[in-house]
Structures are given as structure tokens and as C-alpha cells.
Amino acid sequence: MNRTVCTYAVGDERFRAMAIGMLLGAREHAAASIDRYVVFTDTLKWRAVPDWLELIQLHCPVSGDREENWSIKPLLLSHPEVANDLLLYIDSDTTIYKDIIGRCFEWIREHSLLVYMDFIPSPENWGPVNLRNVYSQAGYDVQNLKINSGIIGRAPDVLGKTMQRLYGDLLGERRLKPFFADSMYQKNDEPYLGLAVQLAYRECGLRVAERLHDLSVQDYALTIAADPRMFRAKPGPVLRVAWYPEDIVRPSVVHWVSSTQYWHYRTVLWSALRKGQLLNAWWPVLVRDEFKVLLNRVRLKLRGLGKRFQ
């Protein structure tokens, strides 16, 4: 059975460069743990692709705007080309510094699912949202949780396939949308993933696992509310966040949430493509993205100044 790492890149070319960058890190640090490297995409016309990377074209409606593709992940998990693989999906805005991928595949093989979610007491929130209340309002009696869908693993067994089916069905129905006041959370796949996992266990007649993963923040770290000034600390990157009591020093995997605001991530991406001998092909895309980021920063700064002097 193939151990497959996958991601997706649709729309803007910068997402293709990001996908290659993530998989270059996976290959550098975890090649012994991986049989296939796959990118799902809306076009096969890429500037350059290493010969070990497989492109699989999606024959479904996708947008040029990544934010509009929020419900795409179930399509990847259930795609016929990877239907019989041990599958590990990783968001493209991720950097892999050490091999935890082998351990992830062992976990998937043993437990059918690897989902970066933890159950929490009913009164606690996931960010500003209490998912237990949202689920209850939508008619589901399930546990409260916090979750990130930047990494998802599933085995091609009954539990894995039930979860991916429910994940797609729930997203398709938009069942939770009326119960989120914030439009950002209305277009968020993570609450649906957390619900699909719990309903899959129930449908399969199994007790919901207390832990859906064995990853710590030293294994898989998120840059939510991180101090960007610390990323260059040595040894680095170092993530300093209010929600964790200690600095997270050089974790195995970093998911750069809102990556374009972080100069450090972009330098890491340039470096990865250079080491992979792909920078000659992809530097125009990266330069164009740098100008977009700069213009956006100037626009935000001017807007802030305008409000100040009103």
C-alpha cells in the first residue's frame, strides 16, 4: 500500500510554487517514509516539476481565488487516483524541517485517521467560537473540540472512507453555516471535519478515540498570533505565541498560517526552490508575489493613516 503525501495548488501560480516547496522539504527530510508525492491541480501546465512529483488534474469547478476553494479537501481524500493509498494531506503553506511523516503513517495505519483535533471542555472556545454550541444548534450531539485541517490522514478502510464521505457531504450541505455569525467561519472547513470524524465513528459503531493524533506542538506548530521577529532566532524558527507557555524551538513541521505576511516563510520558500534547482523556473512567480504583498502592505498602511486623520 502506497504511503502518499499530497497537497493541492489551484488558481494563482504562487500556490504551485508553495506546493513544490512543501514537498521538497518532505522529500529532503522524510524520503524513506514516503512512496508518492502528489499535487492536485487545475492545470498540468506548470513551469517546472521534479520527476518524482505527480500532478493530478481536478476535473471539478475550482476558483482562481484560494479562499473560494474552501470545500476542496474531501475531493482530494476521495480521489480515485489515491483511493487505495495511506494518504497524508498537508497544506502547501507548510515547511517540513524533520521527519514526523513516518510516524504519521504509522498512526494512520493503526488508527485509520490522523486529524489534528483535540477534545476540550464544553465551555471552552476554538478561537472566538464554541464549536459545541454550533454543533448543538445544528442538531448534533457531539463533543466540543479545537482543530486545524492543515494536516489530515486517512487509511483506505471503512472508518477512513466513512469520514471522507461525511466530510464531503456536510460541506456540500453547508449545514453549519447559519450558526456562524462571522463570514470567515462560515467558509471554514475545519468545523465540518471535526463533525465528520465524530459521526464516522458513530456510523461505524465505534467508540470515538480520545486522541485523533499523537503530535505535539514540537512536532506540528501553527504560526497563529506568533511573533514574526522570533522566526530568525537560532536555532530556528522559534515560535513565540500567547497560547503556549514556552517558546516552540525548531518544531518538525511549521504551518505558516497567513503565510504571505511572514517574510521569513517567503525566504524559506526561495531557499527550498533554490536547493531543489527549480528557482530558475519559478523566480518570476515569487517576484510577482513579492510585489503583490508589498502593494497590499502599502494599501493597508494608507488605509490606516486615512482612518487616523478622519
C-alpha atoms as a PDB file:
ATOM      1  CA  MET A   1       0.000   0.000   0.000  1.00  0.00           C
ATOM      2  CA  ASN A   2       1.498   3.344  -1.050  1.00  0.00           C
ATOM      3  CA  ARG A   3       2.255   5.964   1.590  1.00  0.00           C
ATOM      4  CA  THR A   4       1.241   9.131  -0.234  1.00  0.00           C
ATOM      5  CA  VAL A   5       1.769  12.752   0.776  1.00  0.00           C
ATOM      6  CA  CYS A   6      -0.493  15.155  -1.109  1.00  0.00           C
ATOM      7  CA  THR A   7      -1.490  18.796  -1.279  1.00  0.00           C
ATOM      8  CA  TYR A   8      -3.317  20.991  -3.794  1.00  0.00           C
ATOM      9  CA  ALA A   9      -2.498  24.072  -5.879  1.00  0.00           C
ATOM     10  CA  VAL A  10      -5.230  25.742  -7.920  1.00  0.00           C
ATOM     11  CA  GLY A  11      -5.579  29.278  -9.242  1.00  0.00           C
ATOM     12  CA  ASP A  12      -2.608  31.609  -8.782  1.00  0.00           C
ATOM     13  CA  GLU A  13       0.804  30.226  -9.755  1.00  0.00           C
ATOM     14  CA  ARG A  14       2.253  31.102  -6.356  1.00  0.00           C
ATOM     15  CA  PHE A  15       0.312  28.198  -4.854  1.00  0.00           C
ATOM     16  CA  ARG A  16       2.131  25.842  -7.231  1.00  0.00           C
ATOM     17  CA  ALA A  17       5.483  27.163  -6.034  1.00  0.00           C
ATOM     18  CA  MET A  18       4.339  26.750  -2.417  1.00  0.00           C
ATOM     19  CA  ALA A  19       3.219  23.160  -3.048  1.00  0.00           C
ATOM     20  CA  ILE A  20       6.580  22.273  -4.578  1.00  0.00           C
ATOM     21  CA  GLY A  21       8.380  23.951  -1.677  1.00  0.00           C
ATOM     22  CA  MET A  22       6.482  21.915   0.910  1.00  0.00           C
ATOM     23  CA  LEU A  23       7.075  18.624  -0.917  1.00  0.00           C
ATOM     24  CA  LEU A  24      10.767  19.408  -1.408  1.00  0.00           C
ATOM     25  CA  GLY A  25      11.023  19.607   2.388  1.00  0.00           C
ATOM     26  CA  ALA A  26       9.132  16.331   2.759  1.00  0.00           C
ATOM     27  CA  ARG A  27      11.474  14.618   0.333  1.00  0.00           C
ATOM     28  CA  GLU A  28      14.601  16.068   1.923  1.00  0.00           C
ATOM     29  CA  HIS A  29      13.727  15.022   5.466  1.00  0.00           C
ATOM     30  CA  ALA A  30      11.313  12.097   5.092  1.00  0.00           C
ATOM     31  CA  ALA A  31      12.001  10.354   1.765  1.00  0.00           C
ATOM     32  CA  ALA A  32      12.329   6.958   3.467  1.00  0.00           C
ATOM     33  CA  SER A  33       8.768   7.335   4.785  1.00  0.00           C
ATOM     34  CA  ILE A  34       7.061   8.315   1.508  1.00  0.00           C
ATOM     35  CA  ASP A  35       6.234   6.373  -1.667  1.00  0.00           C
ATOM     36  CA  ARG A  36       4.325   9.036  -3.632  1.00  0.00           C
ATOM     37  CA  TYR A  37       4.308  12.836  -3.779  1.00  0.00           C
ATOM     38  CA  VAL A  38       1.095  14.217  -5.298  1.00  0.00           C
ATOM     39  CA  VAL A  39      -0.230  17.687  -6.093  1.00  0.00           C
ATOM     40  CA  PHE A  40      -3.861  18.055  -7.139  1.00  0.00           C
ATOM     41  CA  THR A  41      -4.196  20.956  -9.543  1.00  0.00           C
ATOM     42  CA  ASP A  42      -6.491  22.664 -12.031  1.00  0.00           C
ATOM     43  CA  THR A  43      -3.895  22.578 -14.819  1.00  0.00           C
ATOM     44  CA  LEU A  44      -0.991  20.391 -15.869  1.00  0.00           C
ATOM     45  CA  LYS A  45       0.855  23.325 -17.474  1.00  0.00           C
ATOM     46  CA  TRP A  46       3.441  24.103 -14.806  1.00  0.00           C
ATOM     47  CA  ARG A  47       6.720  25.963 -15.293  1.00  0.00           C
ATOM     48  CA  ALA A  48       8.797  23.069 -13.965  1.00  0.00           C
ATOM     49  CA  VAL A  49       8.105  19.912 -11.979  1.00  0.00           C
ATOM     50  CA  PRO A  50      10.616  17.482 -10.465  1.00  0.00           C
ATOM     51  CA  ASP A  51      10.342  13.988 -11.938  1.00  0.00           C
ATOM     52  CA  TRP A  52       9.382  12.450  -8.578  1.00  0.00           C
ATOM     53  CA  LEU A  53       6.295  14.663  -8.194  1.00  0.00           C
ATOM     54  CA  GLU A  54       2.914  13.600  -9.653  1.00  0.00           C
ATOM     55  CA  LEU A  55       0.382  16.159 -10.868  1.00  0.00           C
ATOM     56  CA  ILE A  56      -3.248  15.038 -10.813  1.00  0.00           C
ATOM     57  CA  GLN A  57      -5.737  17.303 -12.550  1.00  0.00           C
ATOM     58  CA  LEU A  58      -9.011  18.033 -10.806  1.00  0.00           C
ATOM     59  CA  HIS A  59     -11.996  17.834 -13.146  1.00  0.00           C
ATOM     60  CA  CYS A  60     -14.329  19.859 -10.949  1.00  0.00           C
ATOM     61  CA  PRO A  61     -15.126  23.572 -10.648  1.00  0.00           C
ATOM     62  CA  VAL A  62     -12.358  25.450  -8.865  1.00  0.00           C
ATOM     63  CA  SER A  63     -11.737  29.150  -8.454  1.00  0.00           C
ATOM     64  CA  GLY A  64      -8.673  31.275  -9.077  1.00  0.00           C
ATOM     65  CA  ASP A  65      -9.133  32.534  -5.517  1.00  0.00           C
ATOM     66  CA  ARG A  66      -7.844  30.101  -2.894  1.00  0.00           C
ATOM     67  CA  GLU A  67     -10.410  31.356  -0.370  1.00  0.00           C
ATOM     68  CA  GLU A  68     -13.196  30.196  -2.679  1.00  0.00           C
ATOM     69  CA  ASN A  69     -11.845  26.629  -2.672  1.00  0.00           C
ATOM     70  CA  TRP A  70     -12.552  26.046   0.992  1.00  0.00           C
ATOM     71  CA  SER A  71     -14.502  22.808   0.369  1.00  0.00           C
ATOM     72  CA  ILE A  72     -11.932  21.103  -1.868  1.00  0.00           C
ATOM     73  CA  LYS A  73     -10.182  18.808   0.627  1.00  0.00           C
ATOM     74  CA  PRO A  74     -12.774  15.991   0.691  1.00  0.00           C
ATOM     75  CA  LEU A  75     -12.391  15.743  -3.098  1.00  0.00           C
ATOM     76  CA  LEU A  76      -8.681  15.070  -2.644  1.00  0.00           C
ATOM     77  CA  LEU A  77      -9.142  12.458   0.074  1.00  0.00           C
ATOM     78  CA  SER A  78     -11.638  10.527  -2.058  1.00  0.00           C
ATOM     79  CA  HIS A  79      -9.965  10.950  -5.457  1.00  0.00           C
ATOM     80  CA  PRO A  80      -9.754   7.625  -7.390  1.00  0.00           C
ATOM     81  CA  GLU A  81      -6.020   8.109  -8.057  1.00  0.00           C
ATOM     82  CA  VAL A  82      -5.256   7.842  -4.328  1.00  0.00           C
ATOM     83  CA  ALA A  83      -8.280   5.839  -3.175  1.00  0.00           C
ATOM     84  CA  ASN A  84      -6.230   2.823  -2.078  1.00  0.00           C
ATOM     85  CA  ASP A  85      -3.292   4.715  -0.564  1.00  0.00           C
ATOM     86  CA  LEU A  86      -2.408   5.545   3.004  1.00  0.00           C
ATOM     87  CA  LEU A  87      -2.950   9.259   2.455  1.00  0.00           C
ATOM     88  CA  LEU A  88      -1.478  12.207   4.311  1.00  0.00           C
ATOM     89  CA  TYR A  89      -2.710  15.613   3.184  1.00  0.00           C
ATOM     90  CA  ILE A  90      -0.571  18.645   4.162  1.00  0.00           C
ATOM     91  CA  ASP A  91      -1.371  22.296   3.378  1.00  0.00           C
ATOM     92  CA  SER A  92       1.037  23.832   0.890  1.00  0.00           C
ATOM     93  CA  ASP A  93       1.934  26.757   3.205  1.00  0.00           C
ATOM     94  CA  THR A  94       3.887  24.357   5.407  1.00  0.00           C
ATOM     95  CA  THR A  95       7.596  23.759   5.931  1.00  0.00           C
ATOM     96  CA  ILE A  96       8.975  20.373   6.960  1.00  0.00           C
ATOM     97  CA  TYR A  97      12.203  20.502   8.981  1.00  0.00           C
ATOM     98  CA  LYS A  98      12.341  16.932  10.350  1.00  0.00           C
ATOM     99  CA  ASP A  99      10.677  13.593   9.656  1.00  0.00           C
ATOM    100  CA  ILE A 100       7.448  13.112  11.564  1.00  0.00           C
ATOM    101  CA  ILE A 101       5.807  11.776   8.413  1.00  0.00           C
ATOM    102  CA  GLY A 102       6.858   8.193   9.092  1.00  0.00           C
ATOM    103  CA  ARG A 103       5.204   8.406  12.498  1.00  0.00           C
ATOM    104  CA  CYS A 104       2.090   9.923  10.924  1.00  0.00           C
ATOM    105  CA  PHE A 105       1.754   6.986   8.537  1.00  0.00           C
ATOM    106  CA  GLU A 106       2.213   4.532  11.402  1.00  0.00           C
ATOM    107  CA  TRP A 107      -0.576   6.320  13.275  1.00  0.00           C
ATOM    108  CA  ILE A 108      -2.862   6.259  10.227  1.00  0.00           C
ATOM    109  CA  ARG A 109      -2.194   2.570   9.649  1.00  0.00           C
ATOM    110  CA  GLU A 110      -3.020   1.759  13.271  1.00  0.00           C
ATOM    111  CA  HIS A 111      -5.920   4.190  13.895  1.00  0.00           C
ATOM    112  CA  SER A 112      -7.365   4.807  10.391  1.00  0.00           C
ATOM    113  CA  LEU A 113      -7.409   8.598  10.895  1.00  0.00           C
ATOM    114  CA  LEU A 114      -4.947  11.328  11.785  1.00  0.00           C
ATOM    115  CA  VAL A 115      -6.750  14.603  12.389  1.00  0.00           C
ATOM    116  CA  TYR A 116      -5.133  17.465  14.282  1.00  0.00           C
ATOM    117  CA  MET A 117      -8.002  17.979  16.706  1.00  0.00           C
ATOM    118  CA  ASP A 118      -8.351  17.721  20.466  1.00  0.00           C
ATOM    119  CA  PHE A 119     -11.476  17.445  22.563  1.00  0.00           C
ATOM    120  CA  ILE A 120     -11.920  20.262  25.081  1.00  0.00           C
ATOM    121  CA  PRO A 121     -14.414  21.022  27.910  1.00  0.00           C
ATOM    122  CA  SER A 122     -17.786  22.269  26.712  1.00  0.00           C
ATOM    123  CA  PRO A 123     -17.382  25.912  27.881  1.00  0.00           C
ATOM    124  CA  GLU A 124     -14.055  26.427  26.048  1.00  0.00           C
ATOM    125  CA  ASN A 125     -13.786  28.149  22.681  1.00  0.00           C
ATOM    126  CA  TRP A 126     -11.885  27.393  19.487  1.00  0.00           C
ATOM    127  CA  GLY A 127     -10.670  30.910  18.812  1.00  0.00           C
ATOM    128  CA  PRO A 128     -13.776  33.084  19.273  1.00  0.00           C
ATOM    129  CA  VAL A 129     -16.174  30.189  18.567  1.00  0.00           C
ATOM    130  CA  ASN A 130     -17.609  27.468  20.779  1.00  0.00           C
ATOM    131  CA  LEU A 131     -17.997  24.539  18.401  1.00  0.00           C
ATOM    132  CA  ARG A 132     -20.043  22.518  20.890  1.00  0.00           C
ATOM    133  CA  ASN A 133     -22.716  25.235  20.756  1.00  0.00           C
ATOM    134  CA  VAL A 134     -22.575  25.389  16.963  1.00  0.00           C
ATOM    135  CA  TYR A 135     -22.977  21.625  16.650  1.00  0.00           C
ATOM    136  CA  SER A 136     -25.820  21.631  19.161  1.00  0.00           C
ATOM    137  CA  GLN A 137     -27.684  24.406  17.323  1.00  0.00           C
ATOM    138  CA  ALA A 138     -27.309  22.401  14.104  1.00  0.00           C
ATOM    139  CA  GLY A 139     -28.878  19.363  15.813  1.00  0.00           C
ATOM    140  CA  TYR A 140     -25.745  17.287  16.551  1.00  0.00           C
ATOM    141  CA  ASP A 141     -24.958  15.886  19.989  1.00  0.00           C
ATOM    142  CA  VAL A 142     -21.171  15.650  19.745  1.00  0.00           C
ATOM    143  CA  GLN A 143     -18.139  16.746  21.734  1.00  0.00           C
ATOM    144  CA  ASN A 144     -16.513  20.159  21.807  1.00  0.00           C
ATOM    145  CA  LEU A 145     -13.126  20.471  20.113  1.00  0.00           C
ATOM    146  CA  LYS A 146     -10.344  22.588  18.685  1.00  0.00           C
ATOM    147  CA  ILE A 147      -8.946  21.700  15.294  1.00  0.00           C
ATOM    148  CA  ASN A 148      -6.649  22.547  12.395  1.00  0.00           C
ATOM    149  CA  SER A 149      -7.131  20.981   8.965  1.00  0.00           C
ATOM    150  CA  GLY A 150      -3.631  21.747   7.690  1.00  0.00           C
ATOM    151  CA  ILE A 151      -2.773  18.064   8.120  1.00  0.00           C
ATOM    152  CA  ILE A 152      -5.232  15.191   7.569  1.00  0.00           C
ATOM    153  CA  GLY A 153      -4.518  11.492   7.291  1.00  0.00           C
ATOM    154  CA  ARG A 154      -6.788   8.616   6.382  1.00  0.00           C
ATOM    155  CA  ALA A 155      -6.442   4.915   5.674  1.00  0.00           C
ATOM    156  CA  PRO A 156      -8.450   3.330   2.816  1.00  0.00           C
ATOM    157  CA  ASP A 157     -10.560   1.330   5.276  1.00  0.00           C
ATOM    158  CA  VAL A 158     -14.167   1.567   6.454  1.00  0.00           C
ATOM    159  CA  LEU A 159     -13.578   4.303   9.036  1.00  0.00           C
ATOM    160  CA  GLY A 160     -11.340   6.344   6.732  1.00  0.00           C
ATOM    161  CA  LYS A 161     -13.754   6.184   3.816  1.00  0.00           C
ATOM    162  CA  THR A 162     -16.771   6.910   6.021  1.00  0.00           C
ATOM    163  CA  MET A 163     -15.077  10.033   7.377  1.00  0.00           C
ATOM    164  CA  GLN A 164     -14.145  11.345   3.930  1.00  0.00           C
ATOM    165  CA  ARG A 165     -17.681  10.760   2.641  1.00  0.00           C
ATOM    166  CA  LEU A 166     -19.288  12.552   5.598  1.00  0.00           C
ATOM    167  CA  TYR A 167     -16.750  15.382   5.347  1.00  0.00           C
ATOM    168  CA  GLY A 168     -17.758  15.969   1.721  1.00  0.00           C
ATOM    169  CA  ASP A 169     -21.487  15.596   2.384  1.00  0.00           C
ATOM    170  CA  LEU A 170     -21.517  18.011   5.313  1.00  0.00           C
ATOM    171  CA  LEU A 171     -19.524  20.620   3.417  1.00  0.00           C
ATOM    172  CA  GLY A 172     -21.796  20.219   0.419  1.00  0.00           C
ATOM    173  CA  GLU A 173     -24.881  20.796   2.542  1.00  0.00           C
ATOM    174  CA  ARG A 174     -23.351  23.793   4.384  1.00  0.00           C
ATOM    175  CA  ARG A 175     -25.250  22.525   7.423  1.00  0.00           C
ATOM    176  CA  LEU A 176     -23.314  24.644   9.946  1.00  0.00           C
ATOM    177  CA  LYS A 177     -23.274  27.934   8.010  1.00  0.00           C
ATOM    178  CA  PRO A 178     -26.349  29.553   9.657  1.00  0.00           C
ATOM    179  CA  PHE A 179     -24.811  29.151  13.099  1.00  0.00           C
ATOM    180  CA  PHE A 180     -21.647  31.181  12.474  1.00  0.00           C
ATOM    181  CA  ALA A 181     -22.059  34.939  12.769  1.00  0.00           C
ATOM    182  CA  ASP A 182     -18.625  35.641  11.260  1.00  0.00           C
ATOM    183  CA  SER A 183     -18.473  35.203   7.469  1.00  0.00           C
ATOM    184  CA  MET A 184     -14.895  33.882   7.769  1.00  0.00           C
ATOM    185  CA  TYR A 185     -16.101  30.970   9.869  1.00  0.00           C
ATOM    186  CA  GLN A 186     -18.996  30.313   7.509  1.00  0.00           C
ATOM    187  CA  LYS A 187     -16.337  29.433   4.923  1.00  0.00           C
ATOM    188  CA  ASN A 188     -14.205  27.247   7.145  1.00  0.00           C
ATOM    189  CA  ASP A 189     -13.872  23.523   6.521  1.00  0.00           C
ATOM    190  CA  GLU A 190     -12.484  22.648   9.957  1.00  0.00           C
ATOM    191  CA  PRO A 191     -15.752  22.512  11.935  1.00  0.00           C
ATOM    192  CA  TYR A 192     -17.107  20.144   9.271  1.00  0.00           C
ATOM    193  CA  LEU A 193     -14.041  17.932   9.532  1.00  0.00           C
ATOM    194  CA  GLY A 194     -14.385  17.700  13.328  1.00  0.00           C
ATOM    195  CA  LEU A 195     -18.045  16.801  12.976  1.00  0.00           C
ATOM    196  CA  ALA A 196     -17.381  14.258  10.209  1.00  0.00           C
ATOM    197  CA  VAL A 197     -14.812  12.455  12.359  1.00  0.00           C
ATOM    198  CA  GLN A 198     -17.220  12.031  15.262  1.00  0.00           C
ATOM    199  CA  LEU A 199     -20.139  10.987  13.057  1.00  0.00           C
ATOM    200  CA  ALA A 200     -17.911   8.486  11.224  1.00  0.00           C
ATOM    201  CA  TYR A 201     -17.048   6.684  14.458  1.00  0.00           C
ATOM    202  CA  ARG A 202     -20.732   6.632  15.369  1.00  0.00           C
ATOM    203  CA  GLU A 203     -21.796   5.320  11.947  1.00  0.00           C
ATOM    204  CA  CYS A 204     -19.159   2.573  12.110  1.00  0.00           C
ATOM    205  CA  GLY A 205     -20.341   1.547  15.590  1.00  0.00           C
ATOM    206  CA  LEU A 206     -17.033   2.511  17.174  1.00  0.00           C
ATOM    207  CA  ARG A 207     -16.196   4.477  20.275  1.00  0.00           C
ATOM    208  CA  VAL A 208     -14.715   7.873  19.401  1.00  0.00           C
ATOM    209  CA  ALA A 209     -10.987   7.822  20.031  1.00  0.00           C
ATOM    210  CA  GLU A 210      -9.836  10.092  22.851  1.00  0.00           C
ATOM    211  CA  ARG A 211      -6.885  11.193  20.711  1.00  0.00           C
ATOM    212  CA  LEU A 212      -7.018  11.605  16.923  1.00  0.00           C
ATOM    213  CA  HIS A 213      -3.239  12.198  16.660  1.00  0.00           C
ATOM    214  CA  ASP A 214      -0.081  11.920  18.736  1.00  0.00           C
ATOM    215  CA  LEU A 215       1.503  15.180  17.554  1.00  0.00           C
ATOM    216  CA  SER A 216       2.728  17.816  20.000  1.00  0.00           C
ATOM    217  CA  VAL A 217       3.489  21.466  19.243  1.00  0.00           C
ATOM    218  CA  GLN A 218       7.128  20.380  18.904  1.00  0.00           C
ATOM    219  CA  ASP A 219       6.002  18.143  16.025  1.00  0.00           C
ATOM    220  CA  TYR A 220       3.450  20.346  14.296  1.00  0.00           C
ATOM    221  CA  ALA A 221       3.276  24.050  15.123  1.00  0.00           C
ATOM    222  CA  LEU A 222       0.965  26.806  13.884  1.00  0.00           C
ATOM    223  CA  THR A 223       2.023  30.436  13.479  1.00  0.00           C
ATOM    224  CA  ILE A 224      -1.336  31.794  14.649  1.00  0.00           C
ATOM    225  CA  ALA A 225      -0.566  35.019  16.583  1.00  0.00           C
ATOM    226  CA  ALA A 226       3.169  34.228  16.500  1.00  0.00           C
ATOM    227  CA  ASP A 227       5.781  36.983  16.804  1.00  0.00           C
ATOM    228  CA  PRO A 228       7.477  37.112  13.353  1.00  0.00           C
ATOM    229  CA  ARG A 229      10.584  38.709  14.870  1.00  0.00           C
ATOM    230  CA  MET A 230      11.400  35.381  16.552  1.00  0.00           C
ATOM    231  CA  PHE A 231      11.401  33.252  13.397  1.00  0.00           C
ATOM    232  CA  ARG A 232      15.045  34.084  12.694  1.00  0.00           C
ATOM    233  CA  ALA A 233      16.265  33.180  16.186  1.00  0.00           C
ATOM    234  CA  LYS A 234      18.909  30.450  16.323  1.00  0.00           C
ATOM    235  CA  PRO A 235      18.319  27.588  16.213  1.00  0.00           C
ATOM    236  CA  GLY A 236      15.135  28.456  14.411  1.00  0.00           C
ATOM    237  CA  PRO A 237      12.488  29.026  13.575  1.00  0.00           C
ATOM    238  CA  VAL A 238      11.275  29.916  17.055  1.00  0.00           C
ATOM    239  CA  LEU A 239       7.537  30.384  17.558  1.00  0.00           C
ATOM    240  CA  ARG A 240       6.504  32.580  20.468  1.00  0.00           C
ATOM    241  CA  VAL A 241       2.746  32.585  20.962  1.00  0.00           C
ATOM    242  CA  ALA A 242       0.459  33.701  23.771  1.00  0.00           C
ATOM    243  CA  TRP A 243      -1.395  30.388  23.813  1.00  0.00           C
ATOM    244  CA  TYR A 244       1.671  28.266  24.717  1.00  0.00           C
ATOM    245  CA  PRO A 245       3.773  28.829  27.868  1.00  0.00           C
ATOM    246  CA  GLU A 246       7.213  28.276  26.300  1.00  0.00           C
ATOM    247  CA  ASP A 247       8.928  29.126  23.043  1.00  0.00           C
ATOM    248  CA  ILE A 248       8.482  26.418  20.427  1.00  0.00           C
ATOM    249  CA  VAL A 249      12.023  25.910  19.159  1.00  0.00           C
ATOM    250  CA  ARG A 250      12.573  24.429  15.707  1.00  0.00           C
ATOM    251  CA  PRO A 251       9.487  22.223  15.507  1.00  0.00           C
ATOM    252  CA  SER A 252       9.453  19.383  12.982  1.00  0.00           C
ATOM    253  CA  VAL A 253       6.700  20.954  10.877  1.00  0.00           C
ATOM    254  CA  VAL A 254       5.519  24.565  10.733  1.00  0.00           C
ATOM    255  CA  HIS A 255       2.181  25.522   9.218  1.00  0.00           C
ATOM    256  CA  TRP A 256       2.584  29.170   8.231  1.00  0.00           C
ATOM    257  CA  VAL A 257      -0.996  30.355   8.721  1.00  0.00           C
ATOM    258  CA  SER A 258      -1.458  33.596   6.731  1.00  0.00           C
ATOM    259  CA  SER A 259       1.961  32.897   5.254  1.00  0.00           C
ATOM    260  CA  THR A 260       2.189  35.896   2.934  1.00  0.00           C
ATOM    261  CA  GLN A 261       2.524  38.268   5.896  1.00  0.00           C
ATOM    262  CA  TYR A 262       5.655  36.456   7.060  1.00  0.00           C
ATOM    263  CA  TRP A 263       8.852  37.484   5.306  1.00  0.00           C
ATOM    264  CA  HIS A 264      10.617  34.520   6.884  1.00  0.00           C
ATOM    265  CA  TYR A 265       8.334  31.984   5.193  1.00  0.00           C
ATOM    266  CA  ARG A 266       8.957  33.561   1.815  1.00  0.00           C
ATOM    267  CA  THR A 267      12.712  33.385   2.286  1.00  0.00           C
ATOM    268  CA  VAL A 268      12.323  29.722   3.252  1.00  0.00           C
ATOM    269  CA  LEU A 269      10.352  29.127   0.045  1.00  0.00           C
ATOM    270  CA  TRP A 270      13.005  30.831  -2.114  1.00  0.00           C
ATOM    271  CA  SER A 271      15.678  28.726  -0.402  1.00  0.00           C
ATOM    272  CA  ALA A 272      13.768  25.459  -0.908  1.00  0.00           C
ATOM    273  CA  LEU A 273      13.325  26.062  -4.634  1.00  0.00           C
ATOM    274  CA  ARG A 274      16.972  27.046  -4.988  1.00  0.00           C
ATOM    275  CA  LYS A 275      18.147  23.865  -3.229  1.00  0.00           C
ATOM    276  CA  GLY A 276      15.780  21.862  -5.438  1.00  0.00           C
ATOM    277  CA  GLN A 277      17.322  23.503  -8.550  1.00  0.00           C
ATOM    278  CA  LEU A 278      13.935  24.941  -9.522  1.00  0.00           C
ATOM    279  CA  LEU A 279      14.468  28.618  -8.775  1.00  0.00           C
ATOM    280  CA  ASN A 280      15.370  29.462 -12.385  1.00  0.00           C
ATOM    281  CA  ALA A 281      11.862  28.408 -13.426  1.00  0.00           C
ATOM    282  CA  TRP A 282       9.874  29.807 -10.504  1.00  0.00           C
ATOM    283  CA  TRP A 283      11.589  33.093  -9.557  1.00  0.00           C
ATOM    284  CA  PRO A 284       9.280  35.248 -11.775  1.00  0.00           C
ATOM    285  CA  VAL A 285       6.292  33.902  -9.840  1.00  0.00           C
ATOM    286  CA  LEU A 286       7.923  34.635  -6.486  1.00  0.00           C
ATOM    287  CA  VAL A 287       8.979  38.145  -7.533  1.00  0.00           C
ATOM    288  CA  ARG A 288       5.456  38.920  -8.732  1.00  0.00           C
ATOM    289  CA  ASP A 289       4.098  37.708  -5.394  1.00  0.00           C
ATOM    290  CA  GLU A 290       6.577  39.926  -3.508  1.00  0.00           C
ATOM    291  CA  PHE A 291       5.224  42.970  -5.350  1.00  0.00           C
ATOM    292  CA  LYS A 292       1.636  41.934  -4.544  1.00  0.00           C
ATOM    293  CA  VAL A 293       2.484  41.581  -0.861  1.00  0.00           C
ATOM    294  CA  LEU A 294       4.265  44.949  -0.856  1.00  0.00           C
ATOM    295  CA  LEU A 295       1.367  46.705  -2.564  1.00  0.00           C
ATOM    296  CA  ASN A 296      -1.089  45.160  -0.125  1.00  0.00           C
ATOM    297  CA  ARG A 297       1.001  46.348   2.832  1.00  0.00           C
ATOM    298  CA  VAL A 298       1.149  49.874   1.407  1.00  0.00           C
ATOM    299  CA  ARG A 299      -2.606  49.812   0.808  1.00  0.00           C
ATOM    300  CA  LEU A 300      -3.293  48.709   4.394  1.00  0.00           C
ATOM    301  CA  LYS A 301      -0.893  51.336   5.756  1.00  0.00           C
ATOM    302  CA  LEU A 302      -2.553  54.116   3.773  1.00  0.00           C
ATOM    303  CA  ARG A 303      -5.989  52.932   4.880  1.00  0.00           C
ATOM    304  CA  GLY A 304      -4.830  53.011   8.499  1.00  0.00           C
ATOM    305  CA  LEU A 305      -3.413  56.526   8.093  1.00  0.00           C
ATOM    306  CA  GLY A 306      -6.622  57.670   6.452  1.00  0.00           C
ATOM    307  CA  LYS A 307      -8.711  56.459   9.378  1.00  0.00           C
ATOM    308  CA  ARG A 308      -6.311  58.141  11.787  1.00  0.00           C
ATOM    309  CA  PHE A 309      -6.763  61.562  10.238  1.00  0.00           C
ATOM    310  CA  GLN A 310     -10.520  61.379   9.706  1.00  0.00           C
END
